[in-house]
N, C-alpha and C. Protein backbone atom coordinates (compact mmCIF):
# COMPACT_ATOMS: atom_id res chain seq x y z
N MET A 1 5.07 -21.94 49.80
CA MET A 1 3.82 -21.94 49.07
C MET A 1 3.88 -20.99 47.87
N LYS A 2 4.46 -19.79 48.11
CA LYS A 2 4.56 -18.82 47.02
C LYS A 2 5.45 -19.35 45.90
N LYS A 3 6.56 -20.00 46.27
CA LYS A 3 7.50 -20.50 45.26
C LYS A 3 6.85 -21.57 44.39
N SER A 4 6.10 -22.47 45.00
CA SER A 4 5.45 -23.52 44.21
C SER A 4 4.37 -22.94 43.30
N PHE A 5 3.66 -21.92 43.78
CA PHE A 5 2.65 -21.26 42.94
C PHE A 5 3.31 -20.59 41.74
N LEU A 6 4.42 -19.87 41.99
CA LEU A 6 5.13 -19.21 40.89
C LEU A 6 5.69 -20.23 39.91
N LEU A 7 6.16 -21.34 40.41
CA LEU A 7 6.68 -22.39 39.53
C LEU A 7 5.57 -22.96 38.65
N ILE A 8 4.41 -23.19 39.23
CA ILE A 8 3.27 -23.71 38.47
C ILE A 8 2.83 -22.71 37.40
N VAL A 9 2.79 -21.43 37.75
CA VAL A 9 2.41 -20.39 36.79
C VAL A 9 3.43 -20.32 35.66
N ALA A 10 4.71 -20.38 35.99
CA ALA A 10 5.76 -20.31 34.97
C ALA A 10 5.70 -21.51 34.03
N LEU A 11 5.54 -22.70 34.58
CA LEU A 11 5.46 -23.90 33.74
C LEU A 11 4.22 -23.90 32.86
N THR A 12 3.11 -23.44 33.41
CA THR A 12 1.88 -23.35 32.62
C THR A 12 2.05 -22.35 31.47
N SER A 13 2.69 -21.23 31.75
CA SER A 13 2.93 -20.22 30.71
C SER A 13 3.81 -20.78 29.61
N LEU A 14 4.86 -21.49 29.97
CA LEU A 14 5.75 -22.09 28.96
C LEU A 14 5.00 -23.12 28.12
N PHE A 15 4.18 -23.93 28.77
CA PHE A 15 3.41 -24.94 28.06
C PHE A 15 2.44 -24.29 27.06
N LEU A 16 1.73 -23.26 27.51
CA LEU A 16 0.77 -22.58 26.63
C LEU A 16 1.47 -21.87 25.49
N ALA A 17 2.61 -21.25 25.76
CA ALA A 17 3.35 -20.56 24.70
C ALA A 17 3.82 -21.56 23.65
N GLY A 18 4.30 -22.72 24.08
CA GLY A 18 4.73 -23.76 23.14
C GLY A 18 3.57 -24.29 22.33
N SER A 19 2.43 -24.45 22.94
CA SER A 19 1.24 -24.95 22.24
C SER A 19 0.77 -23.94 21.19
N LEU A 20 0.75 -22.67 21.54
CA LEU A 20 0.32 -21.64 20.59
C LEU A 20 1.29 -21.54 19.43
N GLN A 21 2.58 -21.64 19.70
CA GLN A 21 3.56 -21.55 18.62
C GLN A 21 3.42 -22.75 17.68
N ALA A 22 3.20 -23.93 18.22
CA ALA A 22 3.02 -25.11 17.39
C ALA A 22 1.77 -24.99 16.52
N GLN A 23 0.70 -24.39 17.04
CA GLN A 23 -0.52 -24.23 16.27
C GLN A 23 -0.33 -23.24 15.13
N GLN A 24 0.49 -22.24 15.31
CA GLN A 24 0.69 -21.23 14.28
C GLN A 24 1.54 -21.75 13.14
N ARG A 25 2.29 -22.81 13.31
CA ARG A 25 3.20 -23.31 12.29
C ARG A 25 2.62 -24.42 11.43
N LYS A 26 1.31 -24.69 11.51
CA LYS A 26 0.70 -25.72 10.68
C LYS A 26 0.37 -25.16 9.32
N GLY A 27 0.43 -26.01 8.30
CA GLY A 27 0.09 -25.59 6.95
C GLY A 27 1.26 -24.94 6.24
N PRO A 28 1.04 -24.47 5.01
CA PRO A 28 2.11 -23.81 4.27
C PRO A 28 2.37 -22.40 4.81
N ILE A 29 3.63 -22.03 4.90
CA ILE A 29 4.00 -20.69 5.35
C ILE A 29 5.05 -20.16 4.37
N ILE A 30 4.69 -19.11 3.66
CA ILE A 30 5.60 -18.56 2.66
C ILE A 30 6.58 -17.58 3.31
N GLU A 31 7.84 -17.70 2.93
CA GLU A 31 8.86 -16.75 3.36
C GLU A 31 9.54 -16.23 2.09
N ILE A 32 9.54 -14.91 1.93
CA ILE A 32 10.15 -14.29 0.76
C ILE A 32 11.27 -13.39 1.24
N LYS A 33 12.49 -13.63 0.71
CA LYS A 33 13.65 -12.87 1.15
C LYS A 33 13.47 -11.38 0.88
N ASP A 34 13.20 -11.01 -0.34
CA ASP A 34 12.93 -9.61 -0.73
C ASP A 34 11.61 -9.58 -1.47
N GLU A 35 10.60 -8.96 -0.87
CA GLU A 35 9.28 -8.95 -1.50
C GLU A 35 9.18 -7.99 -2.68
N LYS A 36 10.05 -6.98 -2.70
CA LYS A 36 10.02 -5.99 -3.79
C LYS A 36 11.42 -5.82 -4.35
N PHE A 37 11.47 -5.47 -5.62
CA PHE A 37 12.74 -5.17 -6.28
C PHE A 37 12.51 -4.04 -7.26
N ASP A 38 13.34 -3.02 -7.19
CA ASP A 38 13.23 -1.86 -8.09
C ASP A 38 14.32 -1.96 -9.14
N PHE A 39 13.93 -2.09 -10.41
CA PHE A 39 14.88 -2.16 -11.49
C PHE A 39 15.48 -0.79 -11.82
N GLY A 40 14.87 0.25 -11.32
CA GLY A 40 15.32 1.59 -11.70
C GLY A 40 14.85 1.89 -13.11
N LYS A 41 15.62 2.67 -13.83
CA LYS A 41 15.27 2.99 -15.23
C LYS A 41 15.73 1.87 -16.14
N VAL A 42 14.79 1.38 -16.97
CA VAL A 42 15.09 0.32 -17.93
C VAL A 42 14.80 0.87 -19.32
N VAL A 43 15.76 0.72 -20.19
CA VAL A 43 15.61 1.20 -21.57
C VAL A 43 14.61 0.30 -22.29
N GLN A 44 13.69 0.94 -23.02
CA GLN A 44 12.67 0.18 -23.74
C GLN A 44 13.33 -0.78 -24.71
N GLY A 45 12.82 -2.01 -24.72
CA GLY A 45 13.35 -3.02 -25.64
C GLY A 45 14.39 -3.92 -24.98
N THR A 46 14.89 -3.56 -23.81
CA THR A 46 15.84 -4.42 -23.13
C THR A 46 15.09 -5.35 -22.17
N GLN A 47 15.70 -6.46 -21.83
CA GLN A 47 15.06 -7.42 -20.94
C GLN A 47 15.62 -7.25 -19.53
N ALA A 48 14.74 -7.19 -18.55
CA ALA A 48 15.15 -7.09 -17.15
C ALA A 48 14.63 -8.31 -16.41
N ALA A 49 15.46 -8.86 -15.53
CA ALA A 49 15.06 -10.05 -14.78
C ALA A 49 15.59 -9.97 -13.35
N HIS A 50 14.87 -10.61 -12.45
CA HIS A 50 15.29 -10.69 -11.05
C HIS A 50 14.76 -12.00 -10.48
N VAL A 51 15.54 -12.65 -9.64
CA VAL A 51 15.13 -13.90 -9.02
C VAL A 51 14.68 -13.62 -7.59
N PHE A 52 13.44 -14.00 -7.27
CA PHE A 52 12.93 -13.85 -5.92
C PHE A 52 13.08 -15.20 -5.21
N GLU A 53 13.70 -15.17 -4.04
CA GLU A 53 13.89 -16.40 -3.27
C GLU A 53 12.65 -16.63 -2.40
N ILE A 54 11.97 -17.75 -2.65
CA ILE A 54 10.75 -18.09 -1.92
C ILE A 54 10.99 -19.43 -1.23
N ARG A 55 10.59 -19.51 0.04
CA ARG A 55 10.79 -20.73 0.82
C ARG A 55 9.51 -21.08 1.56
N ASN A 56 9.23 -22.36 1.65
CA ASN A 56 8.09 -22.84 2.41
C ASN A 56 8.58 -23.22 3.81
N ALA A 57 8.20 -22.45 4.83
CA ALA A 57 8.61 -22.73 6.21
C ALA A 57 7.54 -23.51 6.96
N GLY A 58 6.53 -23.95 6.26
CA GLY A 58 5.42 -24.64 6.90
C GLY A 58 5.55 -26.15 6.85
N THR A 59 4.48 -26.81 7.24
CA THR A 59 4.49 -28.27 7.33
C THR A 59 3.75 -28.94 6.18
N GLU A 60 3.08 -28.16 5.35
CA GLU A 60 2.34 -28.71 4.21
C GLU A 60 2.83 -28.04 2.94
N PRO A 61 2.56 -28.63 1.76
CA PRO A 61 3.03 -28.07 0.50
C PRO A 61 2.50 -26.65 0.27
N LEU A 62 3.37 -25.81 -0.27
CA LEU A 62 3.02 -24.43 -0.64
C LEU A 62 2.75 -24.41 -2.13
N ILE A 63 1.56 -23.97 -2.51
CA ILE A 63 1.19 -23.91 -3.93
C ILE A 63 1.01 -22.45 -4.31
N ILE A 64 1.81 -21.99 -5.25
CA ILE A 64 1.70 -20.62 -5.75
C ILE A 64 0.91 -20.70 -7.05
N GLU A 65 -0.30 -20.17 -7.02
CA GLU A 65 -1.19 -20.29 -8.17
C GLU A 65 -1.15 -19.09 -9.10
N GLN A 66 -0.77 -17.93 -8.59
CA GLN A 66 -0.80 -16.73 -9.43
C GLN A 66 0.22 -15.72 -8.92
N VAL A 67 0.90 -15.06 -9.84
CA VAL A 67 1.84 -13.99 -9.52
C VAL A 67 1.45 -12.78 -10.34
N LYS A 68 1.38 -11.62 -9.68
CA LYS A 68 1.02 -10.39 -10.38
C LYS A 68 2.13 -9.35 -10.26
N PRO A 69 2.75 -9.01 -11.38
CA PRO A 69 3.75 -7.94 -11.34
C PRO A 69 3.05 -6.59 -11.22
N SER A 70 3.74 -5.65 -10.60
CA SER A 70 3.12 -4.31 -10.48
C SER A 70 3.81 -3.33 -11.40
């Protein structure tokens, strides 16, 4: 009796964990490899550039409407 109860609890837990994880992955999900980059000292008049790798890990399109440099 105890073994079947533990089995039912374990299976229910796995089912609920899978359901919660599936619910969290709906919609666009942004993943950024490096969120910040420090150029260090840049001489005035020179051009500095860096490429940020952005990936959509979600199930719907990711729309980036605005970017603000700091």
